[in-house]
């Protein structure tokens, strides 16, 4: 475990910010009504998950929810399959089979980025959507989220809420995707309290870090034992271990990817959520209407792509002063007065 005092570090910057309880924005702004009556043949949609992660990881659950809503609303023909992240050859076969039997193939998670990059050129007439991987290919909609923006705000919340002045982060895997969460979070903490002591751990250096709740719990217990009273976890299915540690130690956790405030009211301080269900429906809707767009796109503040969650499960944990401060920061980022980093400067000693 690394305890790092960031008081003198100047983090590099990128883009910024977050929507407070803005989960409805994507739907309101970008989703039109139901398909017209001319659409008689159901769109064949296949979702490929990196592993058997639905119901065990908030990230995958978000896709499942969006797909089921699209199935009910748009009448698509939906198939959901699991990749084998430890067997790239088998996963390629699964992806190739999906492409042969689908009009639109969706894939989630950086684990599947290389697979989509390999398979998509073989099927130029099939449309693909790759989430959380930057791929610039004509038949691939590369959908990404400005997680650093949302992470900045929950970092500010952690800094405003901590009593020990020790704040933690646990990432699933030590990769750039997760660095974006950590960088935004640390920037938000330091915006409020430049003297905060920040503890940073990763569960693993490979994809197994998203499926090791026991290891994540061990790391969380060690951070809490060191005086940390708030931990932000960005670790997929491993996050369950951090939640258990927080409950056992009566400390706070900040959830990720979806609104997990209900998981443990009084323990989940807030959640940095992505509007995954809505963005999934956008891609499907655009395909139905022959408006599919290949290339790289980001969902963030302006379209409600990320937000920090406040509801009946955690509102009593956040004072009016905390919310007012965070909303002020949000406004400054929207206005361009604050930019949020999505990576660490090279001199940070990780």
Protein backbone atom coordinates (compact mmCIF):
# COMPACT_ATOMS: atom_id res chain seq x y z
CA UNK A 1 0.00 0.00 0.00
CA UNK A 2 1.31 3.44 -0.89
CA UNK A 3 0.52 6.48 1.19
CA UNK A 4 1.29 9.55 -0.88
CA UNK A 5 1.09 13.16 0.21
CA UNK A 6 0.05 15.11 -2.87
CA UNK A 7 0.20 18.58 -1.41
CA UNK A 8 2.96 19.75 -3.77
CA UNK A 9 2.01 17.81 -6.88
CA UNK A 10 0.52 19.72 -9.79
CA UNK A 11 -1.67 17.32 -11.70
CA UNK A 12 -1.91 17.67 -15.49
CA UNK A 13 -5.31 18.49 -16.88
CA UNK A 14 -7.71 17.37 -19.54
CA UNK A 15 -11.49 17.96 -19.49
CA UNK A 16 -14.01 18.57 -16.93
CA UNK A 17 -17.00 17.91 -14.99
CA UNK A 18 -20.09 16.15 -13.80
CA UNK A 19 -23.85 16.36 -13.51
CA UNK A 20 -25.57 16.39 -10.13
CA UNK A 21 -28.40 13.89 -10.27
CA UNK A 22 -28.33 14.33 -14.05
CA UNK A 23 -29.10 10.76 -14.96
CA UNK A 24 -32.09 11.76 -17.05
CA UNK A 25 -30.25 14.11 -19.40
CA UNK A 26 -29.14 11.64 -22.06
CA UNK A 27 -32.63 10.23 -22.39
CA UNK A 28 -34.19 13.68 -22.54
CA UNK A 29 -31.80 15.16 -25.05
CA UNK A 30 -30.86 12.33 -27.34
CA UNK A 31 -33.54 9.65 -27.40
CA UNK A 32 -36.54 10.11 -29.67
CA UNK A 33 -39.74 8.10 -29.62
CA UNK A 34 -40.32 4.44 -30.47
CA UNK A 35 -39.37 2.97 -33.86
CA UNK A 36 -41.80 3.59 -36.72
CA UNK A 37 -44.09 0.93 -38.13
CA UNK A 38 -41.93 0.44 -41.23
CA UNK A 39 -39.42 -1.49 -39.15
CA UNK A 40 -40.73 -5.00 -39.58
CA UNK A 41 -37.54 -7.06 -39.19
CA UNK A 42 -36.15 -6.97 -35.66
CA UNK A 43 -32.64 -5.61 -35.36
CA UNK A 44 -30.36 -8.46 -34.32
CA UNK A 45 -28.25 -7.23 -31.41
CA UNK A 46 -25.62 -9.26 -29.57
CA UNK A 47 -23.94 -8.08 -26.38
CA UNK A 48 -20.56 -9.62 -25.57
CA UNK A 49 -19.45 -9.24 -21.95
CA UNK A 50 -15.80 -9.72 -20.94
CA UNK A 51 -16.84 -12.54 -18.60
CA UNK A 52 -19.82 -13.77 -16.60
CA UNK A 53 -20.15 -10.41 -14.88
CA UNK A 54 -23.83 -9.53 -15.00
CA UNK A 55 -25.15 -9.46 -11.41
CA UNK A 56 -21.62 -9.48 -9.99
CA UNK A 57 -20.35 -6.11 -11.31
CA UNK A 58 -22.21 -2.82 -11.48
CA UNK A 59 -20.48 -2.08 -14.78
CA UNK A 60 -21.92 -5.09 -16.59
CA UNK A 61 -25.29 -4.73 -14.90
CA UNK A 62 -25.65 -1.28 -16.47
CA UNK A 63 -25.37 -2.74 -19.96
CA UNK A 64 -27.80 -5.53 -19.12
CA UNK A 65 -30.38 -3.01 -17.89
CA UNK A 66 -30.06 -0.85 -20.99
CA UNK A 67 -30.31 -3.83 -23.31
CA UNK A 68 -33.42 -5.17 -21.61
CA UNK A 69 -35.06 -1.77 -21.81
CA UNK A 70 -34.19 -1.55 -25.52
CA UNK A 71 -35.60 -5.03 -26.08
CA UNK A 72 -38.89 -4.01 -24.48
CA UNK A 73 -39.14 -0.60 -26.14
CA UNK A 74 -37.71 -1.25 -29.62
CA UNK A 75 -38.50 -4.92 -30.23
CA UNK A 76 -34.91 -5.90 -31.00
CA UNK A 77 -33.79 -9.52 -31.15
CA UNK A 78 -31.32 -9.64 -28.24
CA UNK A 79 -28.58 -12.14 -27.46
CA UNK A 80 -26.17 -11.79 -24.52
CA UNK A 81 -23.00 -13.89 -24.35
CA UNK A 82 -19.93 -14.00 -22.13
CA UNK A 83 -16.39 -13.77 -23.40
CA UNK A 84 -13.52 -15.68 -21.81
CA UNK A 85 -11.05 -12.98 -20.85
CA UNK A 86 -8.36 -15.53 -20.02
CA UNK A 87 -8.72 -17.23 -23.41
CA UNK A 88 -8.33 -14.67 -26.22
CA UNK A 89 -8.63 -17.31 -28.96
CA UNK A 90 -11.97 -18.54 -27.63
CA UNK A 91 -13.15 -14.96 -27.16
CA UNK A 92 -12.34 -14.17 -30.79
CA UNK A 93 -14.43 -17.15 -31.84
CA UNK A 94 -17.31 -15.90 -29.70
CA UNK A 95 -17.02 -12.41 -31.18
CA UNK A 96 -16.79 -13.75 -34.72
CA UNK A 97 -19.90 -15.88 -34.19
CA UNK A 98 -21.71 -12.81 -32.85
CA UNK A 99 -20.75 -10.83 -35.95
CA UNK A 100 -21.96 -13.58 -38.26
CA UNK A 101 -25.40 -13.59 -36.64
CA UNK A 102 -25.98 -9.93 -35.79
CA UNK A 103 -26.61 -6.52 -37.28
CA UNK A 104 -25.09 -4.80 -34.24
CA UNK A 105 -22.51 -6.22 -31.83
CA UNK A 106 -21.82 -4.44 -28.55
CA UNK A 107 -18.79 -5.17 -26.37
CA UNK A 108 -17.94 -3.79 -22.95
CA UNK A 109 -14.65 -3.32 -21.17
CA UNK A 110 -11.03 -2.81 -22.19
CA UNK A 111 -10.55 -6.59 -22.06
CA UNK A 112 -12.43 -6.85 -25.37
CA UNK A 113 -10.82 -3.91 -27.15
CA UNK A 114 -8.19 -5.96 -28.97
CA UNK A 115 -10.80 -8.53 -29.96
CA UNK A 116 -13.11 -5.95 -31.54
CA UNK A 117 -10.15 -4.31 -33.29
CA UNK A 118 -9.34 -7.69 -34.83
CA UNK A 119 -12.83 -8.85 -35.75
CA UNK A 120 -14.54 -5.64 -36.91
CA UNK A 121 -12.48 -5.26 -40.13
CA UNK A 122 -13.49 -8.81 -41.11
CA UNK A 123 -17.17 -7.78 -41.09
CA UNK A 124 -17.38 -4.30 -42.66
CA UNK A 125 -21.16 -4.55 -43.06
CA UNK A 126 -21.73 -5.34 -39.38
CA UNK A 127 -21.90 -2.49 -36.91
CA UNK A 128 -19.99 -2.68 -33.62
CA UNK A 129 -20.10 -0.59 -30.45
CA UNK A 130 -17.07 -0.79 -28.17
CA UNK A 131 -17.49 0.77 -24.72
CA UNK A 132 -14.61 2.24 -22.71
CA UNK A 133 -12.01 1.63 -25.41
CA UNK A 134 -10.84 4.23 -27.91
CA UNK A 135 -11.08 2.67 -31.40
CA UNK A 136 -11.17 4.80 -34.52
CA UNK A 137 -12.74 2.44 -37.06
CA UNK A 138 -15.52 3.17 -39.58
CA UNK A 139 -17.90 0.42 -38.42
CA UNK A 140 -17.18 0.78 -34.69
CA UNK A 141 -18.89 3.29 -32.41
CA UNK A 142 -16.24 3.83 -29.75
CA UNK A 143 -18.26 4.96 -26.72
CA UNK A 144 -16.35 6.41 -23.79
CA UNK A 145 -17.24 8.23 -20.59
CA UNK A 146 -15.53 11.16 -18.92
CA UNK A 147 -15.10 9.25 -15.68
CA UNK A 148 -12.44 11.69 -14.55
CA UNK A 149 -15.09 14.40 -14.37
CA UNK A 150 -17.37 12.45 -12.08
CA UNK A 151 -14.40 11.23 -10.06
CA UNK A 152 -13.33 14.83 -9.43
CA UNK A 153 -16.64 15.58 -7.77
CA UNK A 154 -16.69 12.49 -5.58
CA UNK A 155 -13.09 13.31 -4.63
CA UNK A 156 -14.29 16.71 -3.48
CA UNK A 157 -17.06 15.02 -1.48
CA UNK A 158 -14.52 12.72 0.16
CA UNK A 159 -12.34 15.68 1.10
CA UNK A 160 -15.30 17.56 2.55
CA UNK A 161 -16.50 14.54 4.51
CA UNK A 162 -13.27 13.05 5.90
CA UNK A 163 -12.50 13.47 9.58
CA UNK A 164 -9.10 11.77 9.55
CA UNK A 165 -7.66 13.69 6.58
CA UNK A 166 -6.76 10.27 5.11
CA UNK A 167 -8.57 9.25 1.94
CA UNK A 168 -8.24 6.09 -0.15
CA UNK A 169 -8.61 4.81 -3.69
CA UNK A 170 -8.66 1.16 -4.81
CA UNK A 171 -8.52 0.39 -8.52
CA UNK A 172 -9.09 -2.99 -10.09
CA UNK A 173 -6.18 -2.96 -12.51
CA UNK A 174 -3.16 -0.68 -12.90
CA UNK A 175 -4.03 0.59 -16.40
CA UNK A 176 -4.71 3.99 -18.01
CA UNK A 177 -8.49 3.48 -17.97
CA UNK A 178 -8.49 3.21 -14.17
CA UNK A 179 -5.84 5.93 -13.86
CA UNK A 180 -8.48 8.30 -15.22
CA UNK A 181 -10.74 7.57 -12.25
CA UNK A 182 -7.86 7.96 -9.80
CA UNK A 183 -6.48 11.14 -11.37
CA UNK A 184 -9.84 12.91 -11.32
CA UNK A 185 -10.50 11.74 -7.77
CA UNK A 186 -7.14 12.96 -6.48
CA UNK A 187 -7.59 16.30 -8.25
CA UNK A 188 -10.98 16.74 -6.59
CA UNK A 189 -9.51 15.95 -3.17
CA UNK A 190 -6.67 18.40 -3.61
CA UNK A 191 -9.00 21.12 -4.84
CA UNK A 192 -10.60 21.02 -1.39
CA UNK A 193 -7.67 19.99 0.78
CA UNK A 194 -4.12 20.18 -0.63
CA UNK A 195 -2.76 18.65 2.59
CA UNK A 196 -4.81 15.44 2.44
CA UNK A 197 -2.96 12.13 2.70
CA UNK A 198 -4.04 9.86 -0.14
CA UNK A 199 -3.71 6.07 -0.15
CA UNK A 200 -3.70 4.34 -3.53
CA UNK A 201 -3.83 0.60 -4.27
CA UNK A 202 -4.56 -1.63 -7.25
CA UNK A 203 -5.93 -5.14 -6.88
CA UNK A 204 -3.81 -6.51 -9.75
CA UNK A 205 -1.75 -5.66 -12.80
CA UNK A 206 -3.99 -7.79 -15.04
CA UNK A 207 -7.71 -8.24 -15.66
CA UNK A 208 -8.10 -10.60 -12.73
CA UNK A 209 -8.16 -7.48 -10.58
CA UNK A 210 -11.80 -6.96 -11.53
CA UNK A 211 -12.82 -10.33 -10.11
CA UNK A 212 -10.95 -10.58 -6.81
CA UNK A 213 -13.25 -9.26 -4.07
CA UNK A 214 -11.25 -11.02 -1.34
CA UNK A 215 -8.03 -9.26 -2.36
CA UNK A 216 -9.85 -5.94 -2.65
CA UNK A 217 -11.30 -6.42 0.84
CA UNK A 218 -7.82 -7.09 2.21
CA UNK A 219 -6.53 -3.86 0.67
CA UNK A 220 -9.51 -1.91 1.98
CA UNK A 221 -9.12 -3.25 5.52
CA UNK A 222 -5.46 -2.22 5.46
CA UNK A 223 -6.36 1.31 4.34
CA UNK A 224 -9.06 1.64 6.97
CA UNK A 225 -6.63 0.36 9.61
CA UNK A 226 -4.23 3.13 8.56
CA UNK A 227 -6.83 5.77 9.36
CA UNK A 228 -8.55 6.15 6.00
CA UNK A 229 -12.24 6.88 6.45
CA UNK A 230 -13.38 7.14 2.81
CA UNK A 231 -12.41 4.81 -0.05
CA UNK A 232 -13.38 5.25 -3.69
CA UNK A 233 -13.38 1.91 -5.49
CA UNK A 234 -13.14 1.45 -9.27
CA UNK A 235 -12.67 -2.30 -9.48
CA UNK A 236 -15.62 -4.01 -11.12
CA UNK A 237 -16.71 -7.13 -9.26
CA UNK A 238 -13.89 -6.67 -6.75
CA UNK A 239 -15.76 -3.66 -5.39
CA UNK A 240 -17.98 -5.99 -3.38
CA UNK A 241 -15.01 -6.78 -1.15
CA UNK A 242 -14.42 -3.10 -0.43
CA UNK A 243 -18.10 -2.68 0.40
CA UNK A 244 -17.87 -5.54 2.92
CA UNK A 245 -14.80 -3.97 4.51
CA UNK A 246 -16.54 -0.59 4.78
CA UNK A 247 -19.54 -2.14 6.47
CA UNK A 248 -17.40 -4.11 8.90
CA UNK A 249 -15.34 -1.06 9.85
CA UNK A 250 -18.22 1.44 9.82
CA UNK A 251 -16.34 3.60 7.31
CA UNK A 252 -17.39 5.14 4.01
CA UNK A 253 -17.13 3.81 0.48
CA UNK A 254 -17.80 5.63 -2.79
CA UNK A 255 -19.35 3.29 -5.37
CA UNK A 256 -18.71 3.39 -9.12
CA UNK A 257 -20.31 2.84 -12.55
CA UNK A 258 -23.92 2.83 -11.35
CA UNK A 259 -25.86 4.29 -8.44
CA UNK A 260 -25.03 1.94 -5.57
CA UNK A 261 -26.26 4.15 -2.76
CA UNK A 262 -28.95 1.59 -1.93
CA UNK A 263 -26.42 -1.20 -1.41
CA UNK A 264 -25.58 -0.04 2.11
CA UNK A 265 -27.34 3.16 3.19
CA UNK A 266 -25.18 5.03 5.67
CA UNK A 267 -22.02 3.36 4.32
CA UNK A 268 -22.10 4.33 0.63
CA UNK A 269 -21.29 8.02 0.78
CA UNK A 270 -22.17 8.58 -2.88
CA UNK A 271 -21.69 6.93 -6.26
CA UNK A 272 -19.86 8.03 -9.39
CA UNK A 273 -22.27 6.68 -11.96
CA UNK A 274 -22.16 6.43 -15.73
CA UNK A 275 -25.36 6.56 -17.74
CA UNK A 276 -24.56 3.24 -19.36
CA UNK A 277 -28.18 2.12 -19.91
CA UNK A 278 -29.08 5.32 -21.73
CA UNK A 279 -25.96 5.32 -23.91
CA UNK A 280 -26.60 1.68 -24.89
CA UNK A 281 -30.11 2.64 -25.97
CA UNK A 282 -28.77 5.60 -27.94
CA UNK A 283 -26.50 3.35 -30.00
CA UNK A 284 -29.32 0.88 -30.66
CA UNK A 285 -31.76 3.65 -31.52
CA UNK A 286 -29.31 5.29 -33.94
CA UNK A 287 -28.77 1.94 -35.63
CA UNK A 288 -32.51 1.37 -35.99
CA UNK A 289 -32.88 4.79 -37.59
CA UNK A 290 -29.93 4.29 -39.92
CA UNK A 291 -27.99 6.98 -38.06
CA UNK A 292 -25.21 4.75 -36.73
CA UNK A 293 -22.00 6.73 -36.32
CA UNK A 294 -18.61 5.05 -36.32
CA UNK A 295 -15.71 6.73 -34.59
CA UNK A 296 -14.85 7.98 -31.14
CA UNK A 297 -17.37 9.72 -28.90
CA UNK A 298 -17.56 10.69 -25.24
CA UNK A 299 -20.47 11.04 -22.85
CA UNK A 300 -19.87 13.45 -20.02
CA UNK A 301 -21.25 16.49 -18.27
CA UNK A 302 -23.14 18.18 -21.08
CA UNK A 303 -25.20 15.13 -21.96
CA UNK A 304 -25.53 13.62 -18.51
CA UNK A 305 -23.07 10.82 -19.24
CA UNK A 306 -21.66 10.82 -15.71
CA UNK A 307 -22.97 12.10 -12.40
CA UNK A 308 -22.62 11.83 -8.66
CA UNK A 309 -25.67 10.27 -7.09
CA UNK A 310 -27.72 11.84 -4.33
CA UNK A 311 -30.96 10.18 -3.31
CA UNK A 312 -32.96 9.08 -0.29
CA UNK A 313 -30.27 6.56 0.63
CA UNK A 314 -27.42 9.04 1.16
CA UNK A 315 -28.94 12.53 1.32
CA UNK A 316 -28.56 12.60 5.10
CA UNK A 317 -24.80 12.03 4.73
CA UNK A 318 -24.28 15.12 2.60
CA UNK A 319 -24.90 18.48 4.20
CA UNK A 320 -26.30 21.41 2.26
CA UNK A 321 -22.83 22.98 2.50
CA UNK A 322 -21.19 19.95 0.89
CA UNK A 323 -23.68 19.89 -1.97
CA UNK A 324 -23.37 23.63 -2.46
CA UNK A 325 -19.56 23.35 -2.67
CA UNK A 326 -19.69 20.47 -5.11
CA UNK A 327 -22.24 22.18 -7.31
CA UNK A 328 -20.01 25.25 -7.41
CA UNK A 329 -17.10 23.12 -8.58
CA UNK A 330 -19.32 21.53 -11.20
CA UNK A 331 -20.31 24.93 -12.53
CA UNK A 332 -16.69 26.02 -12.75
CA UNK A 333 -15.76 22.96 -14.76
CA UNK A 334 -18.70 23.47 -17.09
CA UNK A 335 -17.51 27.03 -17.60
CA UNK A 336 -13.96 25.90 -18.28
CA UNK A 337 -12.57 27.52 -15.15
CA UNK A 338 -11.41 24.11 -13.89
CA UNK A 339 -10.07 21.33 -16.09
CA UNK A 340 -9.82 17.81 -14.75
CA UNK A 341 -6.86 15.50 -15.39
CA UNK A 342 -7.38 12.02 -16.76
CA UNK A 343 -3.83 10.79 -16.17
CA UNK A 344 -0.94 11.20 -13.77
CA UNK A 345 2.12 13.37 -14.42
CA UNK A 346 5.19 11.27 -15.07
CA UNK A 347 6.94 12.33 -11.88
CA UNK A 348 4.28 10.92 -9.57
CA UNK A 349 5.99 7.99 -7.80
CA UNK A 350 3.55 5.14 -8.45
